Amino acid sequence: MDGNANLQLWGIDHHRAPTEVRERVHLADERLEDFYAALRREDGYVSCVPVITCNRTEIYLETRPGFRTHEAMGRVLKAVDLDPDLFLGEYGLRLQDAKRWPTCTAWPRAWRA
């Protein structure tokens, strides 16, 4: 991670959201290329690691300082038919809320600018 970059988390998990909400924000494998293409259209993203399971959709983002993440991520999520308001509302998981950190050393789904 760049020393001047910011780390952010956009996520929803089973502790905060019922199954119906988690299904609405699931980022399926067939949508990942479109998701990454939408990220590339935004100038402030450095890297992204989505963690997607049956219990959670977590999107870890490295962004450049001063980047307006909320507006850009709204556009990215809408580009793959996901509702950004679900990530920002009562179900949204933020970095400071994360209880566990992923422990794997290889990120097969990671994207880097």
N, C-alpha and C. Protein backbone atom coordinates (compact mmCIF):
# COMPACT_ATOMS: atom_id res chain seq x y z
N MET A 1 0.84 -1.17 0.00
CA MET A 1 0.00 0.00 0.00
C MET A 1 0.88 1.23 0.00
N ASP A 2 0.55 2.20 -0.81
CA ASP A 2 1.24 3.47 -0.90
C ASP A 2 1.17 4.17 0.45
N GLY A 3 2.27 4.76 0.91
CA GLY A 3 2.30 5.43 2.21
C GLY A 3 1.33 6.57 2.34
N ASN A 4 0.88 7.16 1.24
CA ASN A 4 -0.06 8.27 1.29
C ASN A 4 -1.49 7.85 0.97
N ALA A 5 -1.70 6.58 0.73
CA ALA A 5 -3.03 6.10 0.33
C ALA A 5 -3.92 5.89 1.55
N ASN A 6 -5.21 5.77 1.29
CA ASN A 6 -6.20 5.49 2.32
C ASN A 6 -6.75 4.08 2.11
N LEU A 7 -7.04 3.39 3.20
CA LEU A 7 -7.66 2.07 3.13
C LEU A 7 -9.11 2.22 3.57
N GLN A 8 -10.01 1.68 2.78
CA GLN A 8 -11.43 1.76 3.08
C GLN A 8 -12.08 0.39 2.92
N LEU A 9 -13.19 0.23 3.60
CA LEU A 9 -13.98 -0.99 3.50
C LEU A 9 -15.42 -0.62 3.22
N TRP A 10 -15.98 -1.23 2.19
CA TRP A 10 -17.41 -1.17 1.91
C TRP A 10 -17.89 -2.60 2.05
N GLY A 11 -18.71 -2.87 3.02
CA GLY A 11 -19.10 -4.25 3.23
C GLY A 11 -20.43 -4.41 3.93
N ILE A 12 -20.92 -5.62 3.82
CA ILE A 12 -22.13 -6.06 4.50
C ILE A 12 -21.87 -7.50 4.92
N ASP A 13 -22.21 -7.82 6.17
CA ASP A 13 -22.00 -9.19 6.62
C ASP A 13 -23.22 -9.70 7.38
N HIS A 14 -23.13 -10.97 7.78
CA HIS A 14 -24.26 -11.64 8.42
C HIS A 14 -24.55 -11.14 9.83
N HIS A 15 -23.62 -10.40 10.43
CA HIS A 15 -23.87 -9.84 11.75
C HIS A 15 -24.80 -8.63 11.68
N ARG A 16 -24.81 -7.94 10.54
CA ARG A 16 -25.58 -6.71 10.41
C ARG A 16 -26.78 -6.80 9.48
N ALA A 17 -26.73 -7.72 8.55
CA ALA A 17 -27.76 -7.73 7.51
C ALA A 17 -28.40 -9.10 7.38
N PRO A 18 -29.72 -9.12 7.16
CA PRO A 18 -30.39 -10.40 6.91
C PRO A 18 -30.01 -10.96 5.54
N THR A 19 -30.33 -12.20 5.34
CA THR A 19 -30.00 -12.89 4.09
C THR A 19 -30.51 -12.13 2.87
N GLU A 20 -31.71 -11.61 2.93
CA GLU A 20 -32.30 -10.90 1.78
C GLU A 20 -31.44 -9.71 1.35
N VAL A 21 -30.88 -8.99 2.31
CA VAL A 21 -30.02 -7.84 1.99
C VAL A 21 -28.69 -8.33 1.45
N ARG A 22 -28.11 -9.35 2.07
CA ARG A 22 -26.83 -9.87 1.60
C ARG A 22 -26.93 -10.38 0.17
N GLU A 23 -28.05 -10.99 -0.17
CA GLU A 23 -28.24 -11.46 -1.55
C GLU A 23 -28.29 -10.30 -2.53
N ARG A 24 -28.82 -9.17 -2.12
CA ARG A 24 -28.92 -8.00 -3.01
C ARG A 24 -27.58 -7.33 -3.28
N VAL A 25 -26.59 -7.56 -2.42
CA VAL A 25 -25.28 -6.93 -2.61
C VAL A 25 -24.19 -7.94 -2.97
N HIS A 26 -24.57 -9.17 -3.23
CA HIS A 26 -23.59 -10.19 -3.59
C HIS A 26 -22.94 -9.83 -4.93
N LEU A 27 -21.63 -9.78 -4.95
CA LEU A 27 -20.88 -9.49 -6.17
C LEU A 27 -20.45 -10.80 -6.79
N ALA A 28 -21.27 -11.31 -7.70
CA ALA A 28 -21.03 -12.61 -8.32
C ALA A 28 -19.79 -12.58 -9.21
N ASP A 29 -19.16 -13.74 -9.36
CA ASP A 29 -17.94 -13.85 -10.18
C ASP A 29 -18.13 -13.29 -11.58
N GLU A 30 -19.30 -13.53 -12.18
CA GLU A 30 -19.50 -13.06 -13.55
C GLU A 30 -19.60 -11.53 -13.63
N ARG A 31 -19.74 -10.85 -12.50
CA ARG A 31 -19.79 -9.38 -12.48
C ARG A 31 -18.44 -8.74 -12.16
N LEU A 32 -17.46 -9.55 -11.76
CA LEU A 32 -16.18 -8.98 -11.32
C LEU A 32 -15.47 -8.18 -12.41
N GLU A 33 -15.44 -8.67 -13.62
CA GLU A 33 -14.74 -7.92 -14.69
C GLU A 33 -15.41 -6.57 -14.92
N ASP A 34 -16.73 -6.53 -14.91
CA ASP A 34 -17.44 -5.25 -15.04
C ASP A 34 -17.16 -4.35 -13.84
N PHE A 35 -17.10 -4.93 -12.66
CA PHE A 35 -16.78 -4.17 -11.46
C PHE A 35 -15.39 -3.55 -11.57
N TYR A 36 -14.40 -4.36 -11.97
CA TYR A 36 -13.04 -3.84 -12.13
C TYR A 36 -12.96 -2.78 -13.23
N ALA A 37 -13.70 -2.96 -14.30
CA ALA A 37 -13.73 -1.96 -15.38
C ALA A 37 -14.29 -0.63 -14.85
N ALA A 38 -15.33 -0.71 -14.04
CA ALA A 38 -15.91 0.51 -13.46
C ALA A 38 -14.92 1.17 -12.51
N LEU A 39 -14.17 0.38 -11.75
CA LEU A 39 -13.13 0.95 -10.88
C LEU A 39 -12.07 1.69 -11.69
N ARG A 40 -11.67 1.08 -12.82
CA ARG A 40 -10.64 1.69 -13.66
C ARG A 40 -11.09 3.03 -14.24
N ARG A 41 -12.38 3.20 -14.41
CA ARG A 41 -12.89 4.48 -14.94
C ARG A 41 -12.79 5.61 -13.92
N GLU A 42 -12.64 5.27 -12.66
CA GLU A 42 -12.50 6.27 -11.60
C GLU A 42 -11.01 6.47 -11.32
N ASP A 43 -10.58 7.69 -11.23
CA ASP A 43 -9.17 8.01 -11.18
C ASP A 43 -8.49 7.79 -9.82
N GLY A 44 -9.23 7.65 -8.76
CA GLY A 44 -8.62 7.64 -7.44
C GLY A 44 -8.36 6.30 -6.80
N TYR A 45 -8.76 5.22 -7.45
CA TYR A 45 -8.54 3.90 -6.86
C TYR A 45 -7.15 3.39 -7.20
N VAL A 46 -6.49 2.82 -6.21
CA VAL A 46 -5.15 2.25 -6.39
C VAL A 46 -5.25 0.73 -6.48
N SER A 47 -6.00 0.13 -5.57
CA SER A 47 -6.17 -1.33 -5.59
C SER A 47 -7.48 -1.68 -4.89
N CYS A 48 -7.91 -2.93 -5.11
CA CYS A 48 -9.16 -3.40 -4.56
C CYS A 48 -9.08 -4.89 -4.31
N VAL A 49 -9.60 -5.32 -3.15
CA VAL A 49 -9.70 -6.74 -2.83
C VAL A 49 -11.12 -7.01 -2.38
N PRO A 50 -11.93 -7.63 -3.22
CA PRO A 50 -13.25 -8.04 -2.75
C PRO A 50 -13.16 -9.40 -2.04
N VAL A 51 -13.85 -9.50 -0.91
CA VAL A 51 -13.96 -10.76 -0.17
C VAL A 51 -15.43 -11.12 -0.21
N ILE A 52 -15.75 -12.20 -0.92
CA ILE A 52 -17.14 -12.54 -1.18
C ILE A 52 -17.38 -13.97 -0.74
N THR A 53 -18.28 -14.14 0.21
CA THR A 53 -18.68 -15.47 0.67
C THR A 53 -20.20 -15.49 0.79
N CYS A 54 -20.73 -16.59 1.27
CA CYS A 54 -22.18 -16.67 1.47
C CYS A 54 -22.64 -15.75 2.60
N ASN A 55 -21.73 -15.36 3.48
CA ASN A 55 -22.08 -14.53 4.64
C ASN A 55 -21.69 -13.07 4.52
N ARG A 56 -20.96 -12.72 3.49
CA ARG A 56 -20.46 -11.34 3.42
C ARG A 56 -20.07 -10.94 2.01
N THR A 57 -20.15 -9.65 1.78
CA THR A 57 -19.52 -9.01 0.63
C THR A 57 -18.73 -7.85 1.21
N GLU A 58 -17.42 -7.95 1.16
CA GLU A 58 -16.55 -6.90 1.67
C GLU A 58 -15.64 -6.46 0.53
N ILE A 59 -15.55 -5.17 0.35
CA ILE A 59 -14.71 -4.61 -0.70
C ILE A 59 -13.68 -3.70 -0.03
N TYR A 60 -12.44 -4.17 0.01
CA TYR A 60 -11.34 -3.39 0.59
C TYR A 60 -10.72 -2.57 -0.53
N LEU A 61 -10.60 -1.27 -0.28
CA LEU A 61 -10.14 -0.34 -1.31
C LEU A 61 -8.95 0.47 -0.83
N GLU A 62 -7.97 0.61 -1.68
CA GLU A 62 -6.87 1.54 -1.46
C GLU A 62 -7.11 2.72 -2.39
N THR A 63 -7.18 3.92 -1.84
CA THR A 63 -7.48 5.10 -2.64
C THR A 63 -6.41 6.18 -2.44
N ARG A 64 -6.32 7.05 -3.41
CA ARG A 64 -5.40 8.18 -3.32
C ARG A 64 -5.97 9.21 -2.33
N PRO A 65 -5.09 9.95 -1.67
CA PRO A 65 -5.55 10.98 -0.73
C PRO A 65 -6.46 11.99 -1.43
N GLY A 66 -7.51 12.40 -0.75
CA GLY A 66 -8.41 13.41 -1.29
C GLY A 66 -9.45 12.88 -2.27
N PHE A 67 -9.37 11.60 -2.58
CA PHE A 67 -10.32 11.01 -3.54
C PHE A 67 -11.70 10.94 -2.91
N ARG A 68 -12.73 11.33 -3.65
CA ARG A 68 -14.11 11.34 -3.17
C ARG A 68 -14.72 9.95 -3.36
N THR A 69 -14.41 9.09 -2.43
CA THR A 69 -14.76 7.68 -2.54
C THR A 69 -16.26 7.43 -2.59
N HIS A 70 -17.03 8.10 -1.76
CA HIS A 70 -18.47 7.81 -1.69
C HIS A 70 -19.16 8.03 -3.04
N GLU A 71 -18.83 9.12 -3.69
CA GLU A 71 -19.45 9.40 -4.99
C GLU A 71 -18.98 8.40 -6.04
N ALA A 72 -17.68 8.15 -6.07
CA ALA A 72 -17.13 7.23 -7.07
C ALA A 72 -17.61 5.81 -6.85
N MET A 73 -17.61 5.36 -5.59
CA MET A 73 -18.05 3.99 -5.32
C MET A 73 -19.53 3.83 -5.64
N GLY A 74 -20.30 4.88 -5.44
CA GLY A 74 -21.71 4.83 -5.85
C GLY A 74 -21.84 4.54 -7.33
N ARG A 75 -21.03 5.21 -8.14
CA ARG A 75 -21.06 4.96 -9.60
C ARG A 75 -20.60 3.56 -9.94
N VAL A 76 -19.55 3.09 -9.26
CA VAL A 76 -19.01 1.74 -9.52
C VAL A 76 -20.06 0.68 -9.19
N LEU A 77 -20.66 0.79 -8.01
CA LEU A 77 -21.66 -0.21 -7.61
C LEU A 77 -22.88 -0.18 -8.52
N LYS A 78 -23.33 0.99 -8.90
CA LYS A 78 -24.47 1.08 -9.82
C LYS A 78 -24.15 0.47 -11.17
N ALA A 79 -22.88 0.55 -11.59
CA ALA A 79 -22.47 -0.01 -12.88
C ALA A 79 -22.65 -1.53 -12.93
N VAL A 80 -22.65 -2.17 -11.76
CA VAL A 80 -22.86 -3.63 -11.70
C VAL A 80 -24.18 -3.95 -11.00
N ASP A 81 -25.10 -3.01 -11.06
CA ASP A 81 -26.47 -3.18 -10.54
C ASP A 81 -26.53 -3.51 -9.05
N LEU A 82 -25.63 -2.92 -8.27
CA LEU A 82 -25.69 -3.04 -6.82
C LEU A 82 -26.11 -1.70 -6.23
N ASP A 83 -26.84 -1.72 -5.14
CA ASP A 83 -27.35 -0.51 -4.51
C ASP A 83 -26.35 0.03 -3.49
N PRO A 84 -25.70 1.16 -3.79
CA PRO A 84 -24.71 1.69 -2.84
C PRO A 84 -25.32 2.10 -1.50
N ASP A 85 -26.60 2.44 -1.49
CA ASP A 85 -27.23 2.85 -0.23
C ASP A 85 -27.25 1.73 0.79
N LEU A 86 -27.29 0.48 0.33
CA LEU A 86 -27.26 -0.63 1.28
C LEU A 86 -25.91 -0.70 2.00
N PHE A 87 -24.84 -0.35 1.31
CA PHE A 87 -23.51 -0.35 1.92
C PHE A 87 -23.33 0.82 2.87
N LEU A 88 -24.06 1.89 2.65
CA LEU A 88 -23.90 3.09 3.46
C LEU A 88 -24.89 3.18 4.61
N GLY A 89 -25.97 2.44 4.54
CA GLY A 89 -27.02 2.52 5.54
C GLY A 89 -26.72 1.71 6.79
N GLU A 90 -27.78 1.31 7.44
CA GLU A 90 -27.67 0.61 8.72
C GLU A 90 -26.93 -0.71 8.63
N TYR A 91 -26.89 -1.32 7.44
CA TYR A 91 -26.23 -2.61 7.28
C TYR A 91 -24.75 -2.49 6.96
N GLY A 92 -24.32 -1.31 6.61
CA GLY A 92 -22.95 -1.11 6.14
C GLY A 92 -21.88 -1.41 7.17
N LEU A 93 -20.85 -2.09 6.75
CA LEU A 93 -19.71 -2.43 7.58
C LEU A 93 -18.56 -1.51 7.20
N ARG A 94 -17.96 -0.87 8.19
CA ARG A 94 -16.83 0.02 7.96
C ARG A 94 -15.55 -0.60 8.50
N LEU A 95 -14.44 -0.08 8.09
CA LEU A 95 -13.15 -0.62 8.49
C LEU A 95 -13.02 -0.70 10.01
N GLN A 96 -13.44 0.31 10.71
CA GLN A 96 -13.33 0.30 12.17
C GLN A 96 -14.24 -0.75 12.80
N ASP A 97 -15.23 -1.26 12.06
CA ASP A 97 -16.14 -2.27 12.57
C ASP A 97 -15.65 -3.69 12.35
N ALA A 98 -14.67 -3.87 11.48
CA ALA A 98 -14.23 -5.21 11.09
C ALA A 98 -13.66 -5.95 12.31
N LYS A 99 -14.16 -7.13 12.55
CA LYS A 99 -13.72 -7.94 13.69
C LYS A 99 -12.56 -8.85 13.32
N ARG A 100 -12.57 -9.34 12.09
CA ARG A 100 -11.53 -10.26 11.64
C ARG A 100 -10.93 -9.72 10.35
N TRP A 101 -9.67 -9.96 10.18
CA TRP A 101 -8.99 -9.59 8.94
C TRP A 101 -8.71 -10.84 8.15
N PRO A 102 -8.83 -10.76 6.83
CA PRO A 102 -8.49 -11.93 6.01
C PRO A 102 -7.04 -12.33 6.26
N THR A 103 -6.80 -13.62 6.33
CA THR A 103 -5.45 -14.08 6.65
C THR A 103 -4.74 -14.74 5.48
N CYS A 104 -5.39 -14.83 4.33
CA CYS A 104 -4.72 -15.50 3.21
C CYS A 104 -3.64 -14.59 2.63
N THR A 105 -2.63 -15.18 2.05
CA THR A 105 -1.52 -14.41 1.50
C THR A 105 -1.65 -14.20 0.00
N ALA A 106 -2.52 -14.93 -0.65
CA ALA A 106 -2.72 -14.78 -2.09
C ALA A 106 -4.14 -14.26 -2.32
N TRP A 107 -4.26 -13.26 -3.15
CA TRP A 107 -5.56 -12.64 -3.42
C TRP A 107 -5.91 -12.89 -4.88
N PRO A 108 -6.52 -14.01 -5.21
CA PRO A 108 -6.81 -14.32 -6.61
C PRO A 108 -7.77 -13.35 -7.25
N ARG A 109 -8.56 -12.62 -6.47
CA ARG A 109 -9.52 -11.70 -7.04
C ARG A 109 -9.07 -10.25 -6.92
N ALA A 110 -7.87 -10.01 -6.46
CA ALA A 110 -7.42 -8.64 -6.25
C ALA A 110 -7.19 -7.93 -7.58
N TRP A 111 -7.36 -6.61 -7.52
CA TRP A 111 -7.11 -5.76 -8.69
C TRP A 111 -6.21 -4.63 -8.26
N ARG A 112 -5.28 -4.26 -9.09
CA ARG A 112 -4.39 -3.14 -8.80
C ARG A 112 -4.25 -2.30 -10.05
N ALA A 113 -4.31 -0.98 -9.86
CA ALA A 113 -4.21 -0.05 -10.99
C ALA A 113 -2.83 -0.12 -11.62
